[in-house]
C-alpha cells in the first residue's frame, strides 16, 4: 500500500456567526495590516467595508483589492501584488467565492516565492509557504477557501492554469452560512453543482482513500437533499448551513483525492470563453461520468443510489440521468452551444485539457478524440 497525505487548513470555522469568531482568531494571531482580496460586487454590497470596520475595531488596518474577476487572471494577481507592496500588508484575507480565494492564494504565493504566477503551474512548484492567508467564504461550492488548488487564467494563452500546491492552503477558513443567504439562485445552483462535481470526481478518482470516500459520500447526500432547497428558498437558513458543510466536505475529498476530466475540460472552457466554472462542470459531469462507466461502474452506481436515496425526484434513476435531472431542477443551462462554445475550438480545448493536472487521476485515461467526443456530447441539449 502507498502512503497517503491529507491536506486541509489547520483551523476551520463553519456555521452562523463564524465571521465574528474568525476576526477574534485573527486578532490572536497578531497580524496588523491586511490586504483583503474580493470582487467588485461584494465591495458594492458593503461586505468588504463591513470586514474592514470589524478589523479596524480590533486595531488591524486593511486595504481592499476588489478587482478579482470571475475567472481571475494573471493581471489580477500582478495588480494585487502591487497593492500588497504599497500597503506593506503582513497577511492576506480572501473574501468571496472561488475567484477571490484563488486570486488571493496566487498573490500570497508570489509574495513570498518571487517570480510570476505562471512559474507555479502544475504540482508543488513553490519552495516556500505563502504569506499568511485567511479565507472567508461567501458561496457554497468551490471549497477554494480550504484547498491547495488555485486556478488562474493566463489571458495571453487563453488557458486556465491549475496550480496545485500544499503551500497555498489557507491557515484559517471561515464558512459563515449567514453570509451565503443573499446568493442569487443561479449562483447557488452553479456553485452547488460545482460541489457535486468535486465529490463525484474525488469518489471515482484513482487517488481515492477511505478518508476521501467518507467525505465525498456525505457531501453527495447533503447536496442531493439541500441544493434544491437552497436554490428555491434563498433565505432558508438550514439549507444554507447544510450546503456550507456539503461543499466543505466535497473540498476535503478532492483536495486529497484530486479530480478528473470534468475539471480538466471545464478549466479550458473558462479560460477560452470566460464562462462560469460551476455551470461548465454541471454540463460536463454526466458526459464525463458516462465515459468513466467503463472503469468506475460500481462507484458511479453507488453515486446514483446516494442521489436517489436523498431526493425523491432522483429515486430509481441511473446515475447519469440523476445528475441531469438535478441540474434541470436547479436551472443549469442545457448545452455548451447555449453558452456560446464553438465546435471548431474543440481540438484546441482537448489538447489543453489533456495537459491539465486534474486529469491525471481520472479513472480512465482518454485520448484527444475521446475528449473531443465528450465536448461534442455536451454541445447539444441534455
Protein backbone atom coordinates (compact mmCIF):
# COMPACT_ATOMS: atom_id res chain seq x y z
CA UNK A 1 0.00 0.00 0.00
CA UNK A 2 1.12 3.55 -0.64
CA UNK A 3 1.25 6.32 1.95
CA UNK A 4 -1.50 8.93 1.54
CA UNK A 5 -1.48 12.53 2.70
CA UNK A 6 -4.46 14.57 3.86
CA UNK A 7 -4.32 18.34 3.29
CA UNK A 8 -6.59 20.99 4.81
CA UNK A 9 -6.24 24.22 6.80
CA UNK A 10 -5.21 23.82 10.43
CA UNK A 11 -8.30 25.72 11.63
CA UNK A 12 -11.77 25.82 10.05
CA UNK A 13 -14.85 27.66 11.33
CA UNK A 14 -18.28 26.65 9.98
CA UNK A 15 -21.75 27.87 10.88
CA UNK A 16 -23.78 31.01 11.59
CA UNK A 17 -21.67 33.67 13.30
CA UNK A 18 -18.34 32.16 12.20
CA UNK A 19 -17.16 35.51 10.82
CA UNK A 20 -17.01 37.22 14.21
CA UNK A 21 -15.22 34.25 15.76
CA UNK A 22 -12.80 34.35 12.82
CA UNK A 23 -11.98 38.02 13.40
CA UNK A 24 -11.26 37.21 17.05
CA UNK A 25 -8.87 34.48 15.95
CA UNK A 26 -7.12 36.83 13.51
CA UNK A 27 -6.52 39.25 16.39
CA UNK A 28 -4.97 36.47 18.47
CA UNK A 29 -2.61 35.62 15.60
CA UNK A 30 -1.07 39.08 15.95
CA UNK A 31 -1.42 40.40 12.39
CA UNK A 32 -1.57 44.16 11.90
CA UNK A 33 -2.13 45.01 8.23
CA UNK A 34 -4.41 43.05 5.89
CA UNK A 35 -4.86 43.03 2.15
CA UNK A 36 -8.50 42.00 1.55
CA UNK A 37 -8.93 40.38 -1.87
CA UNK A 38 -12.52 40.40 -3.10
CA UNK A 39 -14.66 41.21 -6.14
CA UNK A 40 -16.44 44.39 -7.21
CA UNK A 41 -19.92 43.07 -6.39
CA UNK A 42 -19.09 42.25 -2.77
CA UNK A 43 -17.39 45.61 -2.44
CA UNK A 44 -20.52 47.36 -3.75
CA UNK A 45 -22.71 45.37 -1.36
CA UNK A 46 -20.66 46.75 1.52
CA UNK A 47 -19.45 43.35 2.67
CA UNK A 48 -15.78 44.29 2.26
CA UNK A 49 -16.28 47.53 4.21
CA UNK A 50 -18.02 45.62 6.98
CA UNK A 51 -14.95 43.44 7.29
CA UNK A 52 -12.65 46.48 7.23
CA UNK A 53 -14.67 48.00 10.08
CA UNK A 54 -14.60 44.80 12.13
CA UNK A 55 -10.83 44.59 11.75
CA UNK A 56 -10.27 48.28 12.49
CA UNK A 57 -12.29 47.94 15.68
CA UNK A 58 -9.72 45.34 16.73
CA UNK A 59 -6.74 47.50 15.79
CA UNK A 60 -5.99 45.91 12.40
CA UNK A 61 -5.61 48.07 9.30
CA UNK A 62 -6.90 46.79 5.96
CA UNK A 63 -6.67 47.75 2.29
CA UNK A 64 -9.24 46.36 -0.18
CA UNK A 65 -8.31 44.95 -3.57
CA UNK A 66 -11.69 44.46 -5.25
CA UNK A 67 -10.61 43.56 -8.79
CA UNK A 68 -10.76 39.77 -8.67
CA UNK A 69 -12.63 38.75 -11.82
CA UNK A 70 -14.99 35.75 -12.01
CA UNK A 71 -12.12 33.86 -13.66
CA UNK A 72 -9.13 35.60 -12.03
CA UNK A 73 -6.28 36.43 -14.36
CA UNK A 74 -2.52 36.86 -14.27
CA UNK A 75 -3.13 40.61 -14.48
CA UNK A 76 -5.39 40.47 -11.40
CA UNK A 77 -2.61 38.72 -9.49
CA UNK A 78 0.00 41.26 -10.59
CA UNK A 79 -2.23 44.20 -9.65
CA UNK A 80 -2.96 42.65 -6.27
CA UNK A 81 0.74 42.13 -5.62
CA UNK A 82 1.38 45.79 -6.33
CA UNK A 83 -1.25 46.84 -3.80
CA UNK A 84 0.14 44.39 -1.26
CA UNK A 85 3.56 46.03 -1.57
CA UNK A 86 2.15 49.56 -1.43
CA UNK A 87 0.39 48.87 1.85
CA UNK A 88 3.12 46.66 3.38
CA UNK A 89 0.48 44.07 4.27
CA UNK A 90 1.64 41.30 6.59
CA UNK A 91 -1.21 38.91 5.71
CA UNK A 92 -3.95 38.36 3.12
CA UNK A 93 -7.68 37.81 3.56
CA UNK A 94 -9.81 36.47 0.73
CA UNK A 95 -13.49 37.40 0.87
CA UNK A 96 -15.94 35.83 -1.55
CA UNK A 97 -16.16 32.68 -3.61
CA UNK A 98 -13.58 30.74 -5.59
CA UNK A 99 -12.45 33.70 -7.67
CA UNK A 100 -11.45 35.79 -4.68
CA UNK A 101 -9.82 32.85 -2.93
CA UNK A 102 -7.83 31.78 -6.00
CA UNK A 103 -6.65 35.32 -6.68
CA UNK A 104 -5.62 35.79 -3.04
CA UNK A 105 -3.77 32.47 -2.95
CA UNK A 106 -1.80 33.41 -6.05
CA UNK A 107 -0.93 36.85 -4.64
CA UNK A 108 0.20 35.35 -1.34
CA UNK A 109 2.24 32.65 -3.11
CA UNK A 110 4.19 35.01 -5.35
CA UNK A 111 4.66 37.49 -2.48
CA UNK A 112 6.94 35.03 -0.67
CA UNK A 113 8.30 32.89 -3.51
CA UNK A 114 9.01 35.61 -6.08
CA UNK A 115 8.88 35.34 -9.85
CA UNK A 116 5.48 35.29 -11.52
CA UNK A 117 2.40 33.16 -11.00
CA UNK A 118 2.96 31.34 -14.30
CA UNK A 119 6.07 29.77 -12.72
CA UNK A 120 3.90 27.72 -10.36
CA UNK A 121 1.59 25.95 -12.80
CA UNK A 122 1.38 22.24 -12.02
CA UNK A 123 2.02 20.30 -8.82
CA UNK A 124 4.01 21.69 -5.85
CA UNK A 125 6.25 24.07 -7.78
CA UNK A 126 6.87 26.50 -4.89
CA UNK A 127 9.69 26.33 -2.34
CA UNK A 128 8.25 28.45 0.47
CA UNK A 129 4.91 28.88 2.29
CA UNK A 130 2.71 31.77 1.23
CA UNK A 131 2.19 34.96 3.13
CA UNK A 132 -0.31 34.07 5.91
CA UNK A 133 -3.75 33.65 4.33
CA UNK A 134 -7.23 33.70 5.87
CA UNK A 135 -10.16 32.78 3.61
CA UNK A 136 -13.72 33.96 4.31
CA UNK A 137 -16.18 32.11 2.09
CA UNK A 138 -19.49 33.51 0.81
CA UNK A 139 -20.58 30.74 -1.58
CA UNK A 140 -21.28 27.02 -1.16
CA UNK A 141 -19.41 25.39 -3.98
CA UNK A 142 -15.76 25.85 -4.88
CA UNK A 143 -14.21 24.98 -1.46
CA UNK A 144 -11.22 27.05 -2.57
CA UNK A 145 -11.17 28.55 0.92
CA UNK A 146 -9.74 25.27 2.22
CA UNK A 147 -7.89 23.62 -0.67
CA UNK A 148 -4.41 23.53 -2.18
CA UNK A 149 -5.86 24.24 -5.64
CA UNK A 150 -5.56 27.64 -7.33
CA UNK A 151 -6.92 28.29 -10.83
CA UNK A 152 -5.64 31.38 -12.66
CA UNK A 153 -6.39 32.36 -16.26
CA UNK A 154 -3.39 33.19 -18.41
CA UNK A 155 -5.09 35.69 -20.67
CA UNK A 156 -2.28 35.64 -23.25
CA UNK A 157 -2.66 31.89 -23.84
CA UNK A 158 -6.41 31.74 -23.09
CA UNK A 159 -5.68 28.88 -20.70
CA UNK A 160 -6.68 28.29 -17.10
CA UNK A 161 -3.59 27.26 -15.16
CA UNK A 162 -4.13 24.62 -12.50
CA UNK A 163 -1.76 25.33 -9.61
CA UNK A 164 -1.88 22.51 -7.06
CA UNK A 165 0.45 23.33 -4.19
CA UNK A 166 0.34 22.47 -0.49
CA UNK A 167 1.78 25.92 0.26
CA UNK A 168 -1.34 27.76 -0.92
CA UNK A 169 -3.59 26.07 1.64
CA UNK A 170 -5.05 28.86 3.83
CA UNK A 171 -4.17 28.81 7.52
CA UNK A 172 -7.75 29.63 8.56
CA UNK A 173 -11.00 29.10 6.66
CA UNK A 174 -14.32 30.68 7.64
CA UNK A 175 -17.68 29.46 6.34
CA UNK A 176 -20.36 31.66 7.88
CA UNK A 177 -23.63 30.41 6.37
CA UNK A 178 -25.29 33.76 7.17
CA UNK A 179 -23.04 35.35 4.51
CA UNK A 180 -24.44 32.93 1.92
CA UNK A 181 -28.12 33.74 2.39
CA UNK A 182 -28.09 36.53 -0.18
CA UNK A 183 -26.71 34.43 -3.03
CA UNK A 184 -28.96 34.53 -6.13
CA UNK A 185 -30.48 31.27 -7.32
CA UNK A 186 -28.25 30.99 -10.40
CA UNK A 187 -25.06 31.32 -8.33
CA UNK A 188 -26.39 28.92 -5.70
CA UNK A 189 -27.11 26.37 -8.43
CA UNK A 190 -23.77 26.74 -10.20
CA UNK A 191 -21.67 26.57 -7.06
CA UNK A 192 -23.74 23.69 -5.69
CA UNK A 193 -23.24 21.65 -8.86
CA UNK A 194 -19.54 22.52 -8.65
CA UNK A 195 -19.50 20.95 -5.18
CA UNK A 196 -21.29 17.85 -6.50
CA UNK A 197 -18.68 17.56 -9.24
CA UNK A 198 -15.89 17.76 -6.64
CA UNK A 199 -17.46 14.95 -4.64
CA UNK A 200 -18.16 12.68 -7.61
CA UNK A 201 -14.76 13.16 -9.22
CA UNK A 202 -13.00 12.56 -5.91
CA UNK A 203 -15.06 9.41 -5.32
CA UNK A 204 -14.09 7.84 -8.66
CA UNK A 205 -10.52 9.21 -8.59
CA UNK A 206 -7.61 6.78 -8.80
CA UNK A 207 -6.22 8.51 -5.67
CA UNK A 208 -9.34 7.97 -3.54
CA UNK A 209 -8.88 6.68 0.01
CA UNK A 210 -11.31 5.65 2.76
CA UNK A 211 -10.98 9.18 4.19
CA UNK A 212 -11.86 10.91 0.91
CA UNK A 213 -14.63 8.39 0.21
CA UNK A 214 -16.30 9.21 3.53
CA UNK A 215 -16.20 12.95 2.79
CA UNK A 216 -17.40 12.55 -0.81
CA UNK A 217 -20.36 10.31 0.06
CA UNK A 218 -21.60 12.60 2.83
CA UNK A 219 -21.28 15.60 0.50
CA UNK A 220 -23.32 13.88 -2.23
CA UNK A 221 -26.08 13.05 0.25
CA UNK A 222 -26.29 16.62 1.55
CA UNK A 223 -26.21 18.20 -1.92
CA UNK A 224 -28.97 15.93 -3.26
CA UNK A 225 -31.24 16.92 -0.38
CA UNK A 226 -30.40 20.55 0.27
CA UNK A 227 -29.22 22.15 -3.00
CA UNK A 228 -32.76 22.29 -4.50
CA UNK A 229 -33.99 23.84 -1.24
CA UNK A 230 -31.24 26.46 -1.20
CA UNK A 231 -31.99 27.40 -4.83
CA UNK A 232 -35.75 27.60 -4.27
CA UNK A 233 -35.59 29.30 -0.85
CA UNK A 234 -32.55 31.62 -0.75
CA UNK A 235 -33.07 32.56 2.91
CA UNK A 236 -33.57 29.00 4.15
CA UNK A 237 -31.01 29.01 6.97
CA UNK A 238 -30.95 25.24 7.41
CA UNK A 239 -30.39 24.57 3.71
CA UNK A 240 -27.63 27.21 3.58
CA UNK A 241 -25.84 25.74 6.57
CA UNK A 242 -26.13 22.18 5.23
CA UNK A 243 -24.74 23.32 1.85
CA UNK A 244 -21.85 25.04 3.63
CA UNK A 245 -20.97 21.70 5.20
CA UNK A 246 -21.55 19.84 1.91
CA UNK A 247 -19.20 21.98 -0.14
CA UNK A 248 -16.56 21.80 2.61
CA UNK A 249 -16.78 18.01 2.74
CA UNK A 250 -16.50 17.87 -1.05
CA UNK A 251 -13.45 20.11 -0.76
CA UNK A 252 -11.88 17.75 1.78
CA UNK A 253 -12.46 14.91 -0.69
CA UNK A 254 -11.00 16.46 -3.84
CA UNK A 255 -8.24 18.35 -2.02
CA UNK A 256 -6.74 14.94 -1.30
CA UNK A 257 -8.06 12.59 -3.99
CA UNK A 258 -7.85 15.26 -6.72
CA UNK A 259 -10.30 15.43 -9.62
CA UNK A 260 -10.74 14.27 -13.21
CA UNK A 261 -11.64 15.22 -16.75
CA UNK A 262 -14.68 17.29 -15.80
CA UNK A 263 -12.41 19.88 -14.22
CA UNK A 264 -9.63 19.46 -16.78
CA UNK A 265 -12.15 20.26 -19.53
CA UNK A 266 -14.11 22.92 -17.62
CA UNK A 267 -10.89 24.84 -16.96
CA UNK A 268 -10.37 25.16 -20.71
CA UNK A 269 -13.92 26.41 -21.32
CA UNK A 270 -13.48 29.00 -18.58
CA UNK A 271 -10.11 30.16 -19.86
CA UNK A 272 -11.16 30.26 -23.51
CA UNK A 273 -14.63 31.77 -23.21
CA UNK A 274 -14.62 33.26 -19.68
CA UNK A 275 -17.57 31.05 -18.69
CA UNK A 276 -18.83 30.30 -15.16
CA UNK A 277 -16.87 27.36 -13.76
CA UNK A 278 -19.75 25.70 -11.95
CA UNK A 279 -22.01 25.79 -15.00
CA UNK A 280 -19.29 24.21 -17.16
CA UNK A 281 -18.80 21.46 -14.58
CA UNK A 282 -22.53 20.77 -14.38
CA UNK A 283 -22.81 20.44 -18.16
CA UNK A 284 -19.78 18.19 -18.50
CA UNK A 285 -20.31 16.00 -15.42
CA UNK A 286 -22.86 13.48 -16.82
CA UNK A 287 -20.93 13.08 -20.08
CA UNK A 288 -17.54 12.53 -18.44
CA UNK A 289 -19.04 10.05 -15.98
CA UNK A 290 -20.73 8.19 -18.82
CA UNK A 291 -17.26 7.85 -20.34
CA UNK A 292 -15.93 6.71 -16.93
CA UNK A 293 -18.52 3.94 -16.52
CA UNK A 294 -16.16 1.50 -18.21
CA UNK A 295 -13.67 1.85 -15.32
CA UNK A 296 -15.78 3.00 -12.34
CA UNK A 297 -19.20 1.40 -12.85
CA UNK A 298 -19.70 0.19 -9.27
CA UNK A 299 -18.73 3.51 -7.71
CA UNK A 300 -20.86 5.53 -10.10
CA UNK A 301 -23.84 3.27 -9.46
CA UNK A 302 -23.36 3.97 -5.76
CA UNK A 303 -23.36 7.72 -6.51
CA UNK A 304 -26.71 7.24 -8.25
CA UNK A 305 -28.07 5.41 -5.20
CA UNK A 306 -26.91 8.18 -2.85
CA UNK A 307 -28.59 10.81 -5.03
CA UNK A 308 -31.86 8.85 -5.21
CA UNK A 309 -31.91 7.99 -1.51
CA UNK A 310 -31.77 11.67 -0.60
CA UNK A 311 -34.01 13.20 -3.28
CA UNK A 312 -37.31 11.63 -4.31
CA UNK A 313 -37.08 13.23 -7.78
CA UNK A 314 -33.92 11.20 -8.42
CA UNK A 315 -35.09 7.91 -6.90
CA UNK A 316 -34.77 4.91 -9.18
CA UNK A 317 -32.76 6.80 -11.79
CA UNK A 318 -29.39 5.67 -13.10
CA UNK A 319 -26.53 7.95 -12.10
CA UNK A 320 -26.24 9.76 -15.44
CA UNK A 321 -29.96 10.52 -15.55
CA UNK A 322 -29.97 11.57 -11.89
CA UNK A 323 -27.19 14.12 -12.45
CA UNK A 324 -29.00 15.56 -15.47
CA UNK A 325 -32.32 15.77 -13.62
CA UNK A 326 -30.72 17.51 -10.63
CA UNK A 327 -29.10 20.03 -13.00
CA UNK A 328 -32.52 20.68 -14.56
CA UNK A 329 -34.19 21.07 -11.15
CA UNK A 330 -31.75 23.83 -10.13
CA UNK A 331 -31.86 25.59 -13.51
CA UNK A 332 -28.48 24.88 -15.10
CA UNK A 333 -28.24 25.75 -18.85
CA UNK A 334 -28.71 22.69 -21.04
CA UNK A 335 -25.85 22.79 -23.56
CA UNK A 336 -22.42 24.18 -24.37
CA UNK A 337 -23.95 25.58 -27.56
CA UNK A 338 -26.26 27.68 -25.35
CA UNK A 339 -23.15 29.15 -23.67
CA UNK A 340 -21.59 30.20 -26.98
CA UNK A 341 -18.99 27.43 -27.23
CA UNK A 342 -17.87 26.71 -30.82
CA UNK A 343 -17.29 23.26 -32.26
CA UNK A 344 -14.25 24.44 -34.20
CA UNK A 345 -12.45 25.08 -30.91
CA UNK A 346 -12.83 21.51 -29.61
CA UNK A 347 -9.39 20.44 -30.86
CA UNK A 348 -7.53 23.17 -29.00
CA UNK A 349 -9.71 22.70 -25.90
CA UNK A 350 -8.98 18.96 -25.93
CA UNK A 351 -5.23 19.47 -26.32
CA UNK A 352 -5.18 21.81 -23.33
CA UNK A 353 -7.45 19.59 -21.23
CA UNK A 354 -5.05 16.68 -21.67
CA UNK A 355 -2.26 18.84 -20.21
CA UNK A 356 -4.29 19.77 -17.11
CA UNK A 357 -3.02 18.12 -13.93
CA UNK A 358 -6.60 17.39 -12.80
CA UNK A 359 -6.98 14.74 -15.50
CA UNK A 360 -4.20 12.56 -14.11
CA UNK A 361 -6.49 10.93 -11.54
CA UNK A 362 -9.46 10.32 -13.85
CA UNK A 363 -10.40 6.62 -13.57
CA UNK A 364 -9.68 6.00 -17.26
CA UNK A 365 -7.24 7.94 -19.41
CA UNK A 366 -8.54 9.40 -22.66
CA UNK A 367 -7.03 10.37 -25.98
CA UNK A 368 -7.72 13.59 -27.85
CA UNK A 369 -10.53 12.15 -29.96
CA UNK A 370 -12.30 10.86 -26.85
CA UNK A 371 -12.09 14.26 -25.14
CA UNK A 372 -13.48 15.88 -28.29
CA UNK A 373 -16.28 13.32 -28.20
CA UNK A 374 -17.19 14.33 -24.63
CA UNK A 375 -17.26 18.01 -25.65
CA UNK A 376 -19.47 17.03 -28.58
CA UNK A 377 -21.89 15.15 -26.33
CA UNK A 378 -22.22 18.21 -24.06
CA UNK A 379 -22.63 20.57 -27.02
CA UNK A 380 -26.26 19.76 -27.70
CA UNK A 381 -29.09 19.80 -25.15
CA UNK A 382 -29.16 17.19 -22.40
